[in-house]
Structures are given as structure tokens and as C-alpha cells.
């Protein structure tokens, strides 16, 4: 679920419903990378599950994961401006 939501957010999804829709549209691609035996969770499931996460613990785990995936960026801040990503300047 976290991989689906992360990819959806990076693709511009701004809600659990948008994450669900994105996941349904990209299901074949997602299945090449993660097991999704039951398909894409509903927007309600995304909301319920992610609401149970401790934000500080999630941040720490996310930072460790990203540091492992991108060791050259470990300890650095990568700023992403929403306006630039969305094409409005």
C-alpha cells in the first residue's frame, strides 16, 4: 500500500480517492514491482491504514529507505516545489 500511495503522490495524486484511481490505472505496471494479489485497496482502506501510522516513525523509516535507495543523497534535503511540478510558475 505504501508503494502505491507514494507513487500516486509523486504522480500528482492529492487524495486517497486519487491514489486509488491512479493505482487502478497503473495496476499492470505496479504488479511488475510489488505483489497486489487483491488489487488496489479502496480509498477508505488507504485512509484507515495510513491514519494508524506514527508520523515520526514513518518519517524515520522513509528516510532510511530513501538513503538506501539513493546513497549519494543521504543526509541531504531535496526540495520539490509543487508549483514547478504542476507547471505553474
Protein backbone atom coordinates (compact mmCIF):
# COMPACT_ATOMS: atom_id res chain seq x y z
CA UNK A 1 0.00 0.00 0.00
CA UNK A 2 2.76 2.44 0.84
CA UNK A 3 4.43 1.93 -2.53
CA UNK A 4 1.13 2.56 -4.34
CA UNK A 5 0.43 5.74 -2.34
CA UNK A 6 3.99 7.03 -2.70
CA UNK A 7 3.96 6.53 -6.47
CA UNK A 8 0.50 8.08 -6.77
CA UNK A 9 1.53 11.14 -4.76
CA UNK A 10 4.68 11.56 -6.84
CA UNK A 11 2.44 11.38 -9.92
CA UNK A 12 0.24 14.19 -8.57
CA UNK A 13 -2.50 12.43 -6.58
CA UNK A 14 -3.79 14.68 -3.81
CA UNK A 15 -6.33 12.41 -2.09
CA UNK A 16 -6.92 8.79 -1.20
CA UNK A 17 -9.52 8.61 -3.99
CA UNK A 18 -6.98 9.94 -6.50
CA UNK A 19 -4.44 7.39 -5.21
CA UNK A 20 -6.95 4.58 -5.69
CA UNK A 21 -7.76 5.73 -9.22
CA UNK A 22 -4.08 6.11 -10.11
CA UNK A 23 -3.38 2.63 -8.76
CA UNK A 24 -6.20 1.11 -10.80
CA UNK A 25 -4.92 2.80 -13.94
CA UNK A 26 -1.33 1.62 -13.30
CA UNK A 27 -2.12 -1.82 -11.88
CA UNK A 28 -0.22 -3.76 -14.56
CA UNK A 29 2.89 -1.63 -14.06
CA UNK A 30 2.63 -1.83 -10.26
CA UNK A 31 2.35 -5.62 -10.36
CA UNK A 32 5.77 -5.77 -12.04
CA UNK A 33 7.24 -4.28 -8.85
CA UNK A 34 5.01 -5.31 -5.92
CA UNK A 35 2.58 -8.13 -5.20
CA UNK A 36 -1.01 -6.92 -5.31
CA UNK A 37 -2.96 -10.19 -5.08
CA UNK A 38 -6.16 -8.38 -4.16
CA UNK A 39 -5.70 -5.43 -6.49
CA UNK A 40 -5.66 -1.80 -5.39
CA UNK A 41 -7.10 -1.04 -1.95
CA UNK A 42 -10.09 1.29 -1.75
CA UNK A 43 -9.64 4.93 -0.85
CA UNK A 44 -11.24 4.17 2.53
CA UNK A 45 -8.65 1.46 3.20
CA UNK A 46 -5.80 3.80 2.26
CA UNK A 47 -7.17 6.39 4.68
CA UNK A 48 -7.73 3.96 7.56
CA UNK A 49 -4.37 2.23 7.29
CA UNK A 50 -2.29 5.36 6.81
CA UNK A 51 -4.08 7.11 9.67
CA UNK A 52 -2.70 4.44 12.02
CA UNK A 53 0.94 5.23 11.19
CA UNK A 54 3.01 7.20 13.64
CA UNK A 55 4.27 10.18 11.58
CA UNK A 56 7.66 10.38 13.31
CA UNK A 57 8.32 6.66 12.95
CA UNK A 58 7.15 6.72 9.33
CA UNK A 59 9.47 9.65 8.59
CA UNK A 60 12.44 7.81 10.12
CA UNK A 61 11.69 4.63 8.14
CA UNK A 62 11.15 6.60 4.94
CA UNK A 63 14.45 8.45 5.36
CA UNK A 64 16.33 5.17 5.95
CA UNK A 65 14.68 3.63 2.88
CA UNK A 66 15.49 6.60 0.66
CA UNK A 67 19.08 6.75 1.97
CA UNK A 68 19.46 3.10 0.99
CA UNK A 69 17.96 3.67 -2.49
CA UNK A 70 19.86 6.91 -3.16
CA UNK A 71 23.08 6.77 -1.10
CA UNK A 72 24.55 9.79 -2.90
CA UNK A 73 21.74 11.92 -1.42
CA UNK A 74 21.95 10.54 2.13
CA UNK A 75 21.63 13.33 4.67
CA UNK A 76 20.73 15.94 2.06
CA UNK A 77 17.44 17.75 1.58
CA UNK A 78 15.88 17.53 -1.87
CA UNK A 79 13.35 20.32 -2.30
CA UNK A 80 10.47 19.72 -4.67
CA UNK A 81 8.33 22.75 -5.38
CA UNK A 82 4.73 21.84 -6.06
CA UNK A 83 4.24 24.82 -8.37
CA UNK A 84 7.15 23.76 -10.55
CA UNK A 85 6.00 20.13 -10.65
CA UNK A 86 2.48 21.18 -11.65
CA UNK A 87 3.72 23.58 -14.30
CA UNK A 88 2.53 26.84 -12.72
CA UNK A 89 5.30 29.34 -12.09
